[in-house]
Amino acid sequence: MRTIFAIPGLLLSFLSLFFMFLAMIPFLGWFNWLNIPLAVVALLFSLIGGSRTGVTISVVVILLGIFRLQMGWGII
């Protein structure tokens, strides 16, 4: 039962990591407004599934996304 949530959690974590790198491009910082909720969903799936890697990646993406939004005032 745990792998049912662990695999999507890990896949969503890697997808949000890719989108985080995409959002680091200048003038694409607004993309973090979409990426942070995706990382939160990935975090929830990873927590339920017990995937430590997914939890770690999701937390890093959430923290860096919030930091990036604060640096660019949520737009840039």
PDB file of N, CA and C in Angstrom:
ATOM      1  N   MET A   1       0.824  -1.202   0.000  1.00  0.00           N
ATOM      2  CA  MET A   1       0.000   0.000   0.000  1.00  0.00           C
ATOM      3  C   MET A   1       0.864   1.261   0.000  1.00  0.00           C
ATOM      4  N   ARG A   2       2.017   1.194   0.663  1.00  0.00           N
ATOM      5  CA  ARG A   2       2.855   2.381   0.747  1.00  0.00           C
ATOM      6  C   ARG A   2       3.460   2.751  -0.600  1.00  0.00           C
ATOM      7  N   THR A   3       3.799   1.740  -1.422  1.00  0.00           N
ATOM      8  CA  THR A   3       4.409   2.066  -2.709  1.00  0.00           C
ATOM      9  C   THR A   3       3.427   2.721  -3.663  1.00  0.00           C
ATOM     10  N   ILE A   4       2.142   2.544  -3.399  1.00  0.00           N
ATOM     11  CA  ILE A   4       1.140   3.217  -4.233  1.00  0.00           C
ATOM     12  C   ILE A   4       1.304   4.737  -4.116  1.00  0.00           C
ATOM     13  N   PHE A   5       1.698   5.214  -2.946  1.00  0.00           N
ATOM     14  CA  PHE A   5       1.899   6.647  -2.740  1.00  0.00           C
ATOM     15  C   PHE A   5       3.358   7.062  -2.889  1.00  0.00           C
ATOM     16  N   ALA A   6       4.282   6.148  -2.662  1.00  0.00           N
ATOM     17  CA  ALA A   6       5.699   6.501  -2.711  1.00  0.00           C
ATOM     18  C   ALA A   6       6.161   6.806  -4.137  1.00  0.00           C
ATOM     19  N   ILE A   7       5.729   6.008  -5.092  1.00  0.00           N
ATOM     20  CA  ILE A   7       6.175   6.214  -6.474  1.00  0.00           C
ATOM     21  C   ILE A   7       5.641   7.529  -7.053  1.00  0.00           C
ATOM     22  N   PRO A   8       4.340   7.829  -6.934  1.00  0.00           N
ATOM     23  CA  PRO A   8       3.893   9.142  -7.428  1.00  0.00           C
ATOM     24  C   PRO A   8       4.518  10.305  -6.654  1.00  0.00           C
ATOM     25  N   GLY A   9       4.752  10.117  -5.354  1.00  0.00           N
ATOM     26  CA  GLY A   9       5.392  11.169  -4.572  1.00  0.00           C
ATOM     27  C   GLY A   9       6.793  11.459  -5.065  1.00  0.00           C
ATOM     28  N   LEU A  10       7.522  10.408  -5.391  1.00  0.00           N
ATOM     29  CA  LEU A  10       8.886  10.590  -5.894  1.00  0.00           C
ATOM     30  C   LEU A  10       8.871  11.205  -7.283  1.00  0.00           C
ATOM     31  N   LEU A  11       7.968  10.767  -8.125  1.00  0.00           N
ATOM     32  CA  LEU A  11       7.876  11.337  -9.471  1.00  0.00           C
ATOM     33  C   LEU A  11       7.468  12.812  -9.430  1.00  0.00           C
ATOM     34  N   LEU A  12       6.511  13.142  -8.589  1.00  0.00           N
ATOM     35  CA  LEU A  12       6.107  14.546  -8.457  1.00  0.00           C
ATOM     36  C   LEU A  12       7.224  15.396  -7.856  1.00  0.00           C
ATOM     37  N   SER A  13       8.020  14.803  -6.967  1.00  0.00           N
ATOM     38  CA  SER A  13       9.156  15.528  -6.383  1.00  0.00           C
ATOM     39  C   SER A  13      10.181  15.878  -7.452  1.00  0.00           C
ATOM     40  N   PHE A  14      10.494  14.914  -8.307  1.00  0.00           N
ATOM     41  CA  PHE A  14      11.448  15.185  -9.382  1.00  0.00           C
ATOM     42  C   PHE A  14      10.875  16.168 -10.400  1.00  0.00           C
ATOM     43  N   LEU A  15       9.583  16.094 -10.656  1.00  0.00           N
ATOM     44  CA  LEU A  15       8.948  17.047 -11.562  1.00  0.00           C
ATOM     45  C   LEU A  15       8.996  18.458 -10.982  1.00  0.00           C
ATOM     46  N   SER A  16       8.720  18.593  -9.697  1.00  0.00           N
ATOM     47  CA  SER A  16       8.789  19.917  -9.075  1.00  0.00           C
ATOM     48  C   SER A  16      10.226  20.423  -9.005  1.00  0.00           C
ATOM     49  N   LEU A  17      11.199  19.511  -8.876  1.00  0.00           N
ATOM     50  CA  LEU A  17      12.609  19.917  -8.905  1.00  0.00           C
ATOM     51  C   LEU A  17      12.970  20.469 -10.280  1.00  0.00           C
ATOM     52  N   PHE A  18      12.505  19.816 -11.329  1.00  0.00           N
ATOM     53  CA  PHE A  18      12.741  20.319 -12.686  1.00  0.00           C
ATOM     54  C   PHE A  18      12.101  21.692 -12.873  1.00  0.00           C
ATOM     55  N   PHE A  19      10.858  21.843 -12.412  1.00  0.00           N
ATOM     56  CA  PHE A  19      10.181  23.125 -12.543  1.00  0.00           C
ATOM     57  C   PHE A  19      10.842  24.204 -11.692  1.00  0.00           C
ATOM     58  N   MET A  20      11.468  23.810 -10.575  1.00  0.00           N
ATOM     59  CA  MET A  20      12.172  24.783  -9.755  1.00  0.00           C
ATOM     60  C   MET A  20      13.361  25.351 -10.523  1.00  0.00           C
ATOM     61  N   PHE A  21      14.111  24.486 -11.219  1.00  0.00           N
ATOM     62  CA  PHE A  21      15.225  24.973 -12.024  1.00  0.00           C
ATOM     63  C   PHE A  21      14.725  25.848 -13.166  1.00  0.00           C
ATOM     64  N   LEU A  22      13.583  25.513 -13.719  1.00  0.00           N
ATOM     65  CA  LEU A  22      12.991  26.328 -14.773  1.00  0.00           C
ATOM     66  C   LEU A  22      12.598  27.704 -14.225  1.00  0.00           C
ATOM     67  N   ALA A  23      12.112  27.740 -12.993  1.00  0.00           N
ATOM     68  CA  ALA A  23      11.681  28.999 -12.386  1.00  0.00           C
ATOM     69  C   ALA A  23      12.854  29.881 -11.967  1.00  0.00           C
ATOM     70  N   MET A  24      14.059  29.349 -11.986  1.00  0.00           N
ATOM     71  CA  MET A  24      15.234  30.162 -11.653  1.00  0.00           C
ATOM     72  C   MET A  24      15.674  31.049 -12.820  1.00  0.00           C
ATOM     73  N   ILE A  25      15.116  30.812 -13.997  1.00  0.00           N
ATOM     74  CA  ILE A  25      15.422  31.645 -15.156  1.00  0.00           C
ATOM     75  C   ILE A  25      14.794  33.015 -14.930  1.00  0.00           C
ATOM     76  N   PRO A  26      15.528  34.085 -15.219  1.00  0.00           N
ATOM     77  CA  PRO A  26      14.952  35.419 -15.022  1.00  0.00           C
ATOM     78  C   PRO A  26      13.626  35.584 -15.756  1.00  0.00           C
ATOM     79  N   PHE A  27      12.707  36.256 -15.120  1.00  0.00           N
ATOM     80  CA  PHE A  27      11.353  36.545 -15.588  1.00  0.00           C
ATOM     81  C   PHE A  27      10.448  35.313 -15.618  1.00  0.00           C
ATOM     82  N   LEU A  28      10.905  34.184 -15.074  1.00  0.00           N
ATOM     83  CA  LEU A  28      10.051  33.014 -14.913  1.00  0.00           C
ATOM     84  C   LEU A  28       9.865  32.684 -13.434  1.00  0.00           C
ATOM     85  N   GLY A  29      10.190  33.623 -12.563  1.00  0.00           N
ATOM     86  CA  GLY A  29      10.040  33.411 -11.129  1.00  0.00           C
ATOM     87  C   GLY A  29       8.597  33.237 -10.700  1.00  0.00           C
ATOM     88  N   TRP A  30       7.666  33.771 -11.475  1.00  0.00           N
ATOM     89  CA  TRP A  30       6.243  33.611 -11.172  1.00  0.00           C
ATOM     90  C   TRP A  30       5.832  32.149 -11.222  1.00  0.00           C
ATOM     91  N   PHE A  31       6.635  31.335 -11.894  1.00  0.00           N
ATOM     92  CA  PHE A  31       6.320  29.917 -12.023  1.00  0.00           C
ATOM     93  C   PHE A  31       6.338  29.210 -10.670  1.00  0.00           C
ATOM     94  N   ASN A  32       7.006  29.818  -9.677  1.00  0.00           N
ATOM     95  CA  ASN A  32       7.031  29.233  -8.335  1.00  0.00           C
ATOM     96  C   ASN A  32       5.653  29.238  -7.691  1.00  0.00           C
ATOM     97  N   TRP A  33       4.767  30.131  -8.129  1.00  0.00           N
ATOM     98  CA  TRP A  33       3.400  30.132  -7.600  1.00  0.00           C
ATOM     99  C   TRP A  33       2.681  28.830  -7.966  1.00  0.00           C
ATOM    100  N   LEU A  34       3.068  28.203  -9.045  1.00  0.00           N
ATOM    101  CA  LEU A  34       2.503  26.913  -9.438  1.00  0.00           C
ATOM    102  C   LEU A  34       3.324  25.747  -8.901  1.00  0.00           C
ATOM    103  N   ASN A  35       4.608  25.967  -8.757  1.00  0.00           N
ATOM    104  CA  ASN A  35       5.517  24.897  -8.366  1.00  0.00           C
ATOM    105  C   ASN A  35       5.415  24.547  -6.882  1.00  0.00           C
ATOM    106  N   ILE A  36       5.233  25.521  -6.036  1.00  0.00           N
ATOM    107  CA  ILE A  36       5.167  25.254  -4.595  1.00  0.00           C
ATOM    108  C   ILE A  36       3.974  24.373  -4.240  1.00  0.00           C
ATOM    109  N   PRO A  37       2.761  24.635  -4.759  1.00  0.00           N
ATOM    110  CA  PRO A  37       1.666  23.691  -4.465  1.00  0.00           C
ATOM    111  C   PRO A  37       1.926  22.284  -5.003  1.00  0.00           C
ATOM    112  N   LEU A  38       2.594  22.175  -6.155  1.00  0.00           N
ATOM    113  CA  LEU A  38       2.949  20.857  -6.685  1.00  0.00           C
ATOM    114  C   LEU A  38       3.913  20.151  -5.739  1.00  0.00           C
ATOM    115  N   ALA A  39       4.859  20.884  -5.193  1.00  0.00           N
ATOM    116  CA  ALA A  39       5.813  20.295  -4.253  1.00  0.00           C
ATOM    117  C   ALA A  39       5.129  19.901  -2.943  1.00  0.00           C
ATOM    118  N   VAL A  40       4.114  20.647  -2.532  1.00  0.00           N
ATOM    119  CA  VAL A  40       3.371  20.289  -1.317  1.00  0.00           C
ATOM    120  C   VAL A  40       2.610  18.980  -1.531  1.00  0.00           C
ATOM    121  N   VAL A  41       2.002  18.820  -2.699  1.00  0.00           N
ATOM    122  CA  VAL A  41       1.315  17.562  -3.013  1.00  0.00           C
ATOM    123  C   VAL A  41       2.316  16.414  -3.054  1.00  0.00           C
ATOM    124  N   ALA A  42       3.476  16.657  -3.652  1.00  0.00           N
ATOM    125  CA  ALA A  42       4.526  15.635  -3.684  1.00  0.00           C
ATOM    126  C   ALA A  42       4.995  15.290  -2.276  1.00  0.00           C
ATOM    127  N   LEU A  43       5.086  16.295  -1.413  1.00  0.00           N
ATOM    128  CA  LEU A  43       5.482  16.054  -0.028  1.00  0.00           C
ATOM    129  C   LEU A  43       4.462  15.181   0.687  1.00  0.00           C
ATOM    130  N   LEU A  44       3.188  15.473   0.484  1.00  0.00           N
ATOM    131  CA  LEU A  44       2.148  14.666   1.128  1.00  0.00           C
ATOM    132  C   LEU A  44       2.181  13.216   0.642  1.00  0.00           C
ATOM    133  N   PHE A  45       2.306  13.017  -0.666  1.00  0.00           N
ATOM    134  CA  PHE A  45       2.391  11.659  -1.190  1.00  0.00           C
ATOM    135  C   PHE A  45       3.631  10.937  -0.665  1.00  0.00           C
ATOM    136  N   SER A  46       4.743  11.654  -0.599  1.00  0.00           N
ATOM    137  CA  SER A  46       5.986  11.037  -0.124  1.00  0.00           C
ATOM    138  C   SER A  46       5.905  10.700   1.358  1.00  0.00           C
ATOM    139  N   LEU A  47       5.254  11.554   2.140  1.00  0.00           N
ATOM    140  CA  LEU A  47       5.098  11.259   3.563  1.00  0.00           C
ATOM    141  C   LEU A  47       4.214  10.034   3.782  1.00  0.00           C
ATOM    142  N   ILE A  48       3.122   9.959   3.036  1.00  0.00           N
ATOM    143  CA  ILE A  48       2.233   8.805   3.171  1.00  0.00           C
ATOM    144  C   ILE A  48       2.936   7.538   2.689  1.00  0.00           C
ATOM    145  N   GLY A  49       3.674   7.658   1.585  1.00  0.00           N
ATOM    146  CA  GLY A  49       4.346   6.499   1.019  1.00  0.00           C
ATOM    147  C   GLY A  49       5.637   6.123   1.708  1.00  0.00           C
ATOM    148  N   GLY A  50       6.169   6.999   2.527  1.00  0.00           N
ATOM    149  CA  GLY A  50       7.393   6.707   3.256  1.00  0.00           C
ATOM    150  C   GLY A  50       8.659   6.860   2.432  1.00  0.00           C
ATOM    151  N   SER A  51       8.635   7.698   1.408  1.00  0.00           N
ATOM    152  CA  SER A  51       9.794   7.923   0.558  1.00  0.00           C
ATOM    153  C   SER A  51      10.624   9.075   1.126  1.00  0.00           C
ATOM    154  N   ARG A  52      11.757   8.745   1.715  1.00  0.00           N
ATOM    155  CA  ARG A  52      12.604   9.795   2.307  1.00  0.00           C
ATOM    156  C   ARG A  52      13.189  10.713   1.245  1.00  0.00           C
ATOM    157  N   THR A  53      13.545  10.142   0.107  1.00  0.00           N
ATOM    158  CA  THR A  53      14.102  10.957  -0.968  1.00  0.00           C
ATOM    159  C   THR A  53      13.076  11.975  -1.460  1.00  0.00           C
ATOM    160  N   GLY A  54      11.845  11.535  -1.639  1.00  0.00           N
ATOM    161  CA  GLY A  54      10.792  12.439  -2.085  1.00  0.00           C
ATOM    162  C   GLY A  54      10.510  13.538  -1.083  1.00  0.00           C
ATOM    163  N   VAL A  55      10.545  13.197   0.191  1.00  0.00           N
ATOM    164  CA  VAL A  55      10.325  14.204   1.240  1.00  0.00           C
ATOM    165  C   VAL A  55      11.440  15.243   1.204  1.00  0.00           C
ATOM    166  N   THR A  56      12.665  14.785   1.097  1.00  0.00           N
ATOM    167  CA  THR A  56      13.812  15.701   1.086  1.00  0.00           C
ATOM    168  C   THR A  56      13.754  16.635  -0.116  1.00  0.00           C
ATOM    169  N   ILE A  57      13.511  16.081  -1.286  1.00  0.00           N
ATOM    170  CA  ILE A  57      13.448  16.905  -2.494  1.00  0.00           C
ATOM    171  C   ILE A  57      12.300  17.903  -2.395  1.00  0.00           C
ATOM    172  N   SER A  58      11.157  17.465  -1.928  1.00  0.00           N
ATOM    173  CA  SER A  58       9.988  18.350  -1.826  1.00  0.00           C
ATOM    174  C   SER A  58      10.234  19.499  -0.860  1.00  0.00           C
ATOM    175  N   VAL A  59      10.827  19.212   0.278  1.00  0.00           N
ATOM    176  CA  VAL A  59      11.103  20.261   1.263  1.00  0.00           C
ATOM    177  C   VAL A  59      12.102  21.271   0.693  1.00  0.00           C
ATOM    178  N   VAL A  60      13.134  20.789   0.014  1.00  0.00           N
ATOM    179  CA  VAL A  60      14.122  21.692  -0.582  1.00  0.00           C
ATOM    180  C   VAL A  60      13.463  22.571  -1.642  1.00  0.00           C
ATOM    181  N   VAL A  61      12.618  21.981  -2.475  1.00  0.00           N
ATOM    182  CA  VAL A  61      11.933  22.750  -3.521  1.00  0.00           C
ATOM    183  C   VAL A  61      11.005  23.797  -2.904  1.00  0.00           C
ATOM    184  N   ILE A  62      10.293  23.440  -1.862  1.00  0.00           N
ATOM    185  CA  ILE A  62       9.385  24.393  -1.209  1.00  0.00           C
ATOM    186  C   ILE A  62      10.174  25.555  -0.611  1.00  0.00           C
ATOM    187  N   LEU A  63      11.248  25.244   0.104  1.00  0.00           N
ATOM    188  CA  LEU A  63      12.037  26.300   0.738  1.00  0.00           C
ATOM    189  C   LEU A  63      12.710  27.201  -0.291  1.00  0.00           C
ATOM    190  N   LEU A  64      13.298  26.610  -1.334  1.00  0.00           N
ATOM    191  CA  LEU A  64      13.938  27.434  -2.362  1.00  0.00           C
ATOM    192  C   LEU A  64      12.915  28.224  -3.167  1.00  0.00           C
ATOM    193  N   GLY A  65      11.730  27.653  -3.382  1.00  0.00           N
ATOM    194  CA  GLY A  65      10.683  28.381  -4.086  1.00  0.00           C
ATOM    195  C   GLY A  65      10.205  29.589  -3.300  1.00  0.00           C
ATOM    196  N   ILE A  66      10.027  29.410  -2.005  1.00  0.00           N
ATOM    197  CA  ILE A  66       9.616  30.535  -1.155  1.00  0.00           C
ATOM    198  C   ILE A  66      10.708  31.601  -1.112  1.00  0.00           C
ATOM    199  N   PHE A  67      11.962  31.168  -1.007  1.00  0.00           N
ATOM    200  CA  PHE A  67      13.086  32.111  -1.012  1.00  0.00           C
ATOM    201  C   PHE A  67      13.130  32.879  -2.332  1.00  0.00           C
ATOM    202  N   ARG A  68      12.932  32.170  -3.435  1.00  0.00           N
ATOM    203  CA  ARG A  68      12.968  32.811  -4.756  1.00  0.00           C
ATOM    204  C   ARG A  68      11.823  33.805  -4.917  1.00  0.00           C
ATOM    205  N   LEU A  69      10.660  33.480  -4.395  1.00  0.00           N
ATOM    206  CA  LEU A  69       9.536  34.412  -4.476  1.00  0.00           C
ATOM    207  C   LEU A  69       9.809  35.671  -3.653  1.00  0.00           C
ATOM    208  N   GLN A  70      10.448  35.514  -2.514  1.00  0.00           N
ATOM    209  CA  GLN A  70      10.759  36.683  -1.692  1.00  0.00           C
ATOM    210  C   GLN A  70      11.829  37.556  -2.347  1.00  0.00           C
ATOM    211  N   MET A  71      12.774  36.935  -3.012  1.00  0.00           N
ATOM    212  CA  MET A  71      13.837  37.705  -3.661  1.00  0.00           C
ATOM    213  C   MET A  71      13.328  38.475  -4.868  1.00  0.00           C
ATOM    214  N   GLY A  72      12.380  37.891  -5.589  1.00  0.00           N
ATOM    215  CA  GLY A  72      11.886  38.548  -6.808  1.00  0.00           C
ATOM    216  C   GLY A  72      10.537  39.188  -6.624  1.00  0.00           C
ATOM    217  N   TRP A  73      10.090  39.351  -5.399  1.00  0.00           N
ATOM    218  CA  TRP A  73       8.800  39.950  -5.073  1.00  0.00           C
ATOM    219  C   TRP A  73       7.647  39.198  -5.717  1.00  0.00           C
ATOM    220  N   GLY A  74       7.838  37.926  -5.981  1.00  0.00           N
ATOM    221  CA  GLY A  74       6.775  37.085  -6.498  1.00  0.00           C
ATOM    222  C   GLY A  74       6.477  37.254  -7.967  1.00  0.00           C
ATOM    223  N   ILE A  75       7.269  38.052  -8.648  1.00  0.00           N
ATOM    224  CA  ILE A  75       6.984  38.309 -10.067  1.00  0.00           C
ATOM    225  C   ILE A  75       8.160  37.900 -10.941  1.00  0.00           C
ATOM    226  N   ILE A  76       9.320  38.420 -10.634  1.00  0.00           N
ATOM    227  CA  ILE A  76      10.482  38.244 -11.520  1.00  0.00           C
ATOM    228  C   ILE A  76      11.191  36.958 -11.229  1.00  0.00           C
TER     229      ILE A  76
END
